[in-house]
């Protein structure tokens, strides 16, 4: 394990949130889609469950995407800014079958602040451990999705098996065509 379990989960959730904006239709098309996303990633705490909350979370996606593009100093500055803006106050929490882990906002903080701070705390660990090279954009030519390479040998190139399979099949077909042309 590269990072603590909660850090890996928060990084994966941040990538998944960023990538909802590239889905067609938008992966956060309505409040029900946001509910499903939050449930899938285990977000807890109070919710308004209204359109304004959905708009706030959607607006967070470009800010999170930018974290994949920053150098170490820029990432540290942005993480600090996100934590400051949300009034983060780190504390240990235990719930839903998880052992003690870190929360940095109260359960009644606005959802967008809790999501932003979860991501910021995870990126804080990325910076502290000098693992920025694990923040990647998919290598498929037609995909701009982000991901976190948690592989032991830092070899993950694609955001999903779908993109990996598509690229590998295209390369195979290209090699086959080259062999046929050379025969």
C-alpha atoms as a PDB file:
ATOM      1  CA  UNK A   1       0.000   0.000   0.000  1.00  0.00           C
ATOM      2  CA  UNK A   2       1.443   3.351  -1.054  1.00  0.00           C
ATOM      3  CA  UNK A   3      -0.788   5.510   1.142  1.00  0.00           C
ATOM      4  CA  UNK A   4      -3.118   4.862   4.058  1.00  0.00           C
ATOM      5  CA  UNK A   5      -6.428   3.318   3.023  1.00  0.00           C
ATOM      6  CA  UNK A   6      -8.409   6.527   3.599  1.00  0.00           C
ATOM      7  CA  UNK A   7      -5.931   8.512   1.489  1.00  0.00           C
ATOM      8  CA  UNK A   8      -6.114   6.026  -1.390  1.00  0.00           C
ATOM      9  CA  UNK A   9      -9.910   6.060  -1.220  1.00  0.00           C
ATOM     10  CA  UNK A  10     -10.053   9.865  -1.156  1.00  0.00           C
ATOM     11  CA  UNK A  11      -7.659  10.127  -4.115  1.00  0.00           C
ATOM     12  CA  UNK A  12      -9.711   7.624  -6.111  1.00  0.00           C
ATOM     13  CA  UNK A  13     -12.932   9.457  -5.190  1.00  0.00           C
ATOM     14  CA  UNK A  14     -11.426  12.790  -6.284  1.00  0.00           C
ATOM     15  CA  UNK A  15     -10.406  11.274  -9.628  1.00  0.00           C
ATOM     16  CA  UNK A  16     -13.853   9.730 -10.048  1.00  0.00           C
ATOM     17  CA  UNK A  17     -15.500  13.083  -9.271  1.00  0.00           C
ATOM     18  CA  UNK A  18     -13.286  14.894 -11.773  1.00  0.00           C
ATOM     19  CA  UNK A  19     -14.059  12.265 -14.411  1.00  0.00           C
ATOM     20  CA  UNK A  20     -17.834  12.609 -14.004  1.00  0.00           C
ATOM     21  CA  UNK A  21     -17.550  15.842 -15.978  1.00  0.00           C
ATOM     22  CA  UNK A  22     -16.213  13.933 -19.006  1.00  0.00           C
ATOM     23  CA  UNK A  23     -19.023  11.383 -19.022  1.00  0.00           C
ATOM     24  CA  UNK A  24     -21.752  11.722 -21.613  1.00  0.00           C
ATOM     25  CA  UNK A  25     -24.207  12.551 -20.207  1.00  0.00           C
ATOM     26  CA  UNK A  26     -22.618  14.297 -17.245  1.00  0.00           C
ATOM     27  CA  UNK A  27     -22.033  11.802 -14.434  1.00  0.00           C
ATOM     28  CA  UNK A  28     -23.635  14.239 -12.009  1.00  0.00           C
ATOM     29  CA  UNK A  29     -26.672  15.032 -14.115  1.00  0.00           C
ATOM     30  CA  UNK A  30     -29.020  15.381 -11.146  1.00  0.00           C
ATOM     31  CA  UNK A  31     -29.302  15.123  -7.368  1.00  0.00           C
ATOM     32  CA  UNK A  32     -29.974  11.379  -7.619  1.00  0.00           C
ATOM     33  CA  UNK A  33     -26.676  10.902  -9.473  1.00  0.00           C
ATOM     34  CA  UNK A  34     -24.890  12.894  -6.766  1.00  0.00           C
ATOM     35  CA  UNK A  35     -26.573  10.726  -4.105  1.00  0.00           C
ATOM     36  CA  UNK A  36     -25.351   7.584  -5.890  1.00  0.00           C
ATOM     37  CA  UNK A  37     -21.821   8.970  -6.255  1.00  0.00           C
ATOM     38  CA  UNK A  38     -21.593   9.908  -2.580  1.00  0.00           C
ATOM     39  CA  UNK A  39     -22.957   6.530  -1.485  1.00  0.00           C
ATOM     40  CA  UNK A  40     -20.528   4.677  -3.751  1.00  0.00           C
ATOM     41  CA  UNK A  41     -17.580   6.534  -2.243  1.00  0.00           C
ATOM     42  CA  UNK A  42     -18.784   6.376   1.370  1.00  0.00           C
ATOM     43  CA  UNK A  43     -19.244  10.083   2.016  1.00  0.00           C
ATOM     44  CA  UNK A  44     -21.029  10.739   5.292  1.00  0.00           C
ATOM     45  CA  UNK A  45     -22.513  13.774   6.993  1.00  0.00           C
ATOM     46  CA  UNK A  46     -25.400  16.138   6.533  1.00  0.00           C
ATOM     47  CA  UNK A  47     -26.874  16.873   3.108  1.00  0.00           C
ATOM     48  CA  UNK A  48     -29.278  19.440   1.727  1.00  0.00           C
ATOM     49  CA  UNK A  49     -30.056  17.227  -1.295  1.00  0.00           C
ATOM     50  CA  UNK A  50     -30.983  20.167  -3.473  1.00  0.00           C
ATOM     51  CA  UNK A  51     -29.990  21.582  -6.839  1.00  0.00           C
ATOM     52  CA  UNK A  52     -27.728  24.230  -5.247  1.00  0.00           C
ATOM     53  CA  UNK A  53     -25.662  21.527  -3.535  1.00  0.00           C
ATOM     54  CA  UNK A  54     -25.343  19.698  -6.856  1.00  0.00           C
ATOM     55  CA  UNK A  55     -24.166  22.900  -8.571  1.00  0.00           C
ATOM     56  CA  UNK A  56     -21.556  23.469  -5.831  1.00  0.00           C
ATOM     57  CA  UNK A  57     -20.124  19.969  -6.203  1.00  0.00           C
ATOM     58  CA  UNK A  58     -20.071  20.254 -10.003  1.00  0.00           C
ATOM     59  CA  UNK A  59     -18.197  23.547  -9.664  1.00  0.00           C
ATOM     60  CA  UNK A  60     -15.543  21.805  -7.547  1.00  0.00           C
ATOM     61  CA  UNK A  61     -14.584  19.422 -10.379  1.00  0.00           C
ATOM     62  CA  UNK A  62     -12.380  21.834 -12.398  1.00  0.00           C
ATOM     63  CA  UNK A  63     -10.554  22.861  -9.231  1.00  0.00           C
ATOM     64  CA  UNK A  64      -9.841  19.229  -8.408  1.00  0.00           C
ATOM     65  CA  UNK A  65      -8.778  18.474 -12.009  1.00  0.00           C
ATOM     66  CA  UNK A  66      -6.219  21.258 -11.741  1.00  0.00           C
ATOM     67  CA  UNK A  67      -4.544  19.414  -8.845  1.00  0.00           C
ATOM     68  CA  UNK A  68      -3.333  16.813 -11.356  1.00  0.00           C
ATOM     69  CA  UNK A  69      -1.577  19.547 -13.342  1.00  0.00           C
ATOM     70  CA  UNK A  70       0.344  21.385 -10.615  1.00  0.00           C
ATOM     71  CA  UNK A  71       3.942  21.007  -9.556  1.00  0.00           C
ATOM     72  CA  UNK A  72       4.780  20.297  -5.912  1.00  0.00           C
ATOM     73  CA  UNK A  73       4.821  23.942  -4.777  1.00  0.00           C
ATOM     74  CA  UNK A  74       1.635  24.755  -6.684  1.00  0.00           C
ATOM     75  CA  UNK A  75      -0.100  21.689  -5.301  1.00  0.00           C
ATOM     76  CA  UNK A  76       0.958  22.537  -1.739  1.00  0.00           C
ATOM     77  CA  UNK A  77      -0.333  26.099  -2.160  1.00  0.00           C
ATOM     78  CA  UNK A  78      -3.681  24.942  -3.562  1.00  0.00           C
ATOM     79  CA  UNK A  79      -4.144  22.261  -0.891  1.00  0.00           C
ATOM     80  CA  UNK A  80      -3.437  24.828   1.832  1.00  0.00           C
ATOM     81  CA  UNK A  81      -5.898  27.238   0.218  1.00  0.00           C
ATOM     82  CA  UNK A  82      -8.621  24.574   0.059  1.00  0.00           C
ATOM     83  CA  UNK A  83      -8.101  23.623   3.691  1.00  0.00           C
ATOM     84  CA  UNK A  84      -8.125  27.274   4.805  1.00  0.00           C
ATOM     85  CA  UNK A  85     -11.260  28.136   2.826  1.00  0.00           C
ATOM     86  CA  UNK A  86     -13.168  25.230   4.358  1.00  0.00           C
ATOM     87  CA  UNK A  87     -11.941  25.970   7.886  1.00  0.00           C
ATOM     88  CA  UNK A  88     -10.451  22.480   8.155  1.00  0.00           C
ATOM     89  CA  UNK A  89      -9.858  21.199  11.662  1.00  0.00           C
ATOM     90  CA  UNK A  90      -8.337  17.684  11.532  1.00  0.00           C
ATOM     91  CA  UNK A  91      -9.730  15.123  13.960  1.00  0.00           C
ATOM     92  CA  UNK A  92      -9.913  11.363  14.291  1.00  0.00           C
ATOM     93  CA  UNK A  93     -13.210   9.706  13.388  1.00  0.00           C
ATOM     94  CA  UNK A  94     -14.512   6.121  13.497  1.00  0.00           C
ATOM     95  CA  UNK A  95     -17.673   5.077  11.654  1.00  0.00           C
ATOM     96  CA  UNK A  96     -19.263   2.640   9.204  1.00  0.00           C
ATOM     97  CA  UNK A  97     -16.849  -0.192   9.987  1.00  0.00           C
ATOM     98  CA  UNK A  98     -13.734   1.895   9.397  1.00  0.00           C
ATOM     99  CA  UNK A  99     -11.163   2.130  12.139  1.00  0.00           C
ATOM    100  CA  UNK A 100      -9.905   5.525  13.205  1.00  0.00           C
ATOM    101  CA  UNK A 101      -9.124   7.773  10.291  1.00  0.00           C
ATOM    102  CA  UNK A 102      -8.822  11.486   9.696  1.00  0.00           C
ATOM    103  CA  UNK A 103     -11.708  13.854   9.043  1.00  0.00           C
ATOM    104  CA  UNK A 104     -10.977  17.538   8.766  1.00  0.00           C
ATOM    105  CA  UNK A 105     -14.481  18.971   8.704  1.00  0.00           C
ATOM    106  CA  UNK A 106     -17.524  18.526  10.878  1.00  0.00           C
ATOM    107  CA  UNK A 107     -20.333  16.251   9.706  1.00  0.00           C
ATOM    108  CA  UNK A 108     -22.589  19.296   9.391  1.00  0.00           C
ATOM    109  CA  UNK A 109     -20.159  21.280   7.190  1.00  0.00           C
ATOM    110  CA  UNK A 110     -21.443  21.966   3.677  1.00  0.00           C
ATOM    111  CA  UNK A 111     -21.040  18.947   1.390  1.00  0.00           C
ATOM    112  CA  UNK A 112     -18.798  20.794  -1.065  1.00  0.00           C
ATOM    113  CA  UNK A 113     -16.427  21.696   1.789  1.00  0.00           C
ATOM    114  CA  UNK A 114     -16.316  18.097   3.013  1.00  0.00           C
ATOM    115  CA  UNK A 115     -15.589  16.810  -0.501  1.00  0.00           C
ATOM    116  CA  UNK A 116     -12.930  19.467  -1.118  1.00  0.00           C
ATOM    117  CA  UNK A 117     -11.240  18.849   2.227  1.00  0.00           C
ATOM    118  CA  UNK A 118     -11.259  15.045   1.764  1.00  0.00           C
ATOM    119  CA  UNK A 119      -9.452  15.559  -1.521  1.00  0.00           C
ATOM    120  CA  UNK A 120      -7.115  18.195  -0.102  1.00  0.00           C
ATOM    121  CA  UNK A 121      -6.121  15.956   2.810  1.00  0.00           C
ATOM    122  CA  UNK A 122      -5.341  13.112   0.394  1.00  0.00           C
ATOM    123  CA  UNK A 123      -3.284  15.380  -1.852  1.00  0.00           C
ATOM    124  CA  UNK A 124      -1.492  16.616   1.260  1.00  0.00           C
ATOM    125  CA  UNK A 125      -0.218  13.049   1.718  1.00  0.00           C
ATOM    126  CA  UNK A 126       0.824  12.906  -1.943  1.00  0.00           C
ATOM    127  CA  UNK A 127       2.973  16.004  -1.444  1.00  0.00           C
ATOM    128  CA  UNK A 128       4.368  14.892   1.933  1.00  0.00           C
ATOM    129  CA  UNK A 129       5.430  11.546   0.511  1.00  0.00           C
ATOM    130  CA  UNK A 130       6.853  13.027  -2.700  1.00  0.00           C
ATOM    131  CA  UNK A 131       4.550  10.908  -4.893  1.00  0.00           C
ATOM    132  CA  UNK A 132       3.315  13.484  -7.427  1.00  0.00           C
ATOM    133  CA  UNK A 133       4.292  11.217 -10.323  1.00  0.00           C
ATOM    134  CA  UNK A 134       1.407   8.965  -9.262  1.00  0.00           C
ATOM    135  CA  UNK A 135      -1.091  11.639 -10.385  1.00  0.00           C
ATOM    136  CA  UNK A 136      -1.717  10.845 -14.027  1.00  0.00           C
ATOM    137  CA  UNK A 137      -3.884  11.604 -17.008  1.00  0.00           C
ATOM    138  CA  UNK A 138      -5.004   8.676 -19.150  1.00  0.00           C
ATOM    139  CA  UNK A 139      -2.539   7.779 -21.934  1.00  0.00           C
ATOM    140  CA  UNK A 140      -5.324   7.015 -24.415  1.00  0.00           C
ATOM    141  CA  UNK A 141      -5.277   9.672 -27.147  1.00  0.00           C
ATOM    142  CA  UNK A 142      -9.033  10.229 -26.944  1.00  0.00           C
ATOM    143  CA  UNK A 143      -9.324  10.363 -23.131  1.00  0.00           C
ATOM    144  CA  UNK A 144      -8.512  13.152 -20.693  1.00  0.00           C
ATOM    145  CA  UNK A 145      -9.657  11.347 -17.532  1.00  0.00           C
ATOM    146  CA  UNK A 146      -7.400  11.497 -14.493  1.00  0.00           C
ATOM    147  CA  UNK A 147      -6.327   8.655 -12.234  1.00  0.00           C
ATOM    148  CA  UNK A 148      -3.951   7.819  -9.421  1.00  0.00           C
ATOM    149  CA  UNK A 149      -1.330   5.190 -10.161  1.00  0.00           C
ATOM    150  CA  UNK A 150      -1.252   3.069  -7.017  1.00  0.00           C
ATOM    151  CA  UNK A 151       0.572   0.191  -8.685  1.00  0.00           C
ATOM    152  CA  UNK A 152       3.706  -1.032  -6.960  1.00  0.00           C
ATOM    153  CA  UNK A 153       5.913  -0.368  -9.990  1.00  0.00           C
ATOM    154  CA  UNK A 154       4.239   2.911 -11.036  1.00  0.00           C
ATOM    155  CA  UNK A 155       3.193   1.450 -14.385  1.00  0.00           C
ATOM    156  CA  UNK A 156      -0.514   2.283 -14.648  1.00  0.00           C
ATOM    157  CA  UNK A 157      -1.049   4.315 -17.820  1.00  0.00           C
ATOM    158  CA  UNK A 158      -4.798   4.262 -18.354  1.00  0.00           C
ATOM    159  CA  UNK A 159      -7.779   5.462 -16.344  1.00  0.00           C
ATOM    160  CA  UNK A 160      -9.686   2.223 -16.868  1.00  0.00           C
ATOM    161  CA  UNK A 161      -9.491  -1.205 -18.433  1.00  0.00           C
ATOM    162  CA  UNK A 162     -11.792   0.102 -21.159  1.00  0.00           C
ATOM    163  CA  UNK A 163      -9.206   2.644 -22.321  1.00  0.00           C
ATOM    164  CA  UNK A 164      -6.335   0.164 -21.889  1.00  0.00           C
ATOM    165  CA  UNK A 165      -8.149  -2.503 -23.917  1.00  0.00           C
ATOM    166  CA  UNK A 166      -9.095  -0.040 -26.660  1.00  0.00           C
ATOM    167  CA  UNK A 167      -5.470   1.152 -27.044  1.00  0.00           C
ATOM    168  CA  UNK A 168      -4.052  -2.376 -26.943  1.00  0.00           C
ATOM    169  CA  UNK A 169      -6.552  -3.680 -29.505  1.00  0.00           C
ATOM    170  CA  UNK A 170      -5.769  -0.739 -31.816  1.00  0.00           C
ATOM    171  CA  UNK A 171      -2.030  -1.424 -31.469  1.00  0.00           C
ATOM    172  CA  UNK A 172      -2.576  -5.119 -32.194  1.00  0.00           C
ATOM    173  CA  UNK A 173      -4.640  -4.336 -35.284  1.00  0.00           C
ATOM    174  CA  UNK A 174      -1.993  -1.889 -36.460  1.00  0.00           C
ATOM    175  CA  UNK A 175       0.722  -4.525 -36.077  1.00  0.00           C
ATOM    176  CA  UNK A 176      -1.419  -7.054 -37.948  1.00  0.00           C
ATOM    177  CA  UNK A 177      -2.007  -4.592 -40.771  1.00  0.00           C
ATOM    178  CA  UNK A 178       1.729  -3.817 -40.953  1.00  0.00           C
ATOM    179  CA  UNK A 179       2.520  -7.548 -41.171  1.00  0.00           C
ATOM    180  CA  UNK A 180      -0.028  -8.021 -43.957  1.00  0.00           C
ATOM    181  CA  UNK A 181       1.405  -5.044 -45.868  1.00  0.00           C
ATOM    182  CA  UNK A 182       4.922  -6.446 -45.440  1.00  0.00           C
ATOM    183  CA  UNK A 183       3.991  -9.935 -46.691  1.00  0.00           C
END
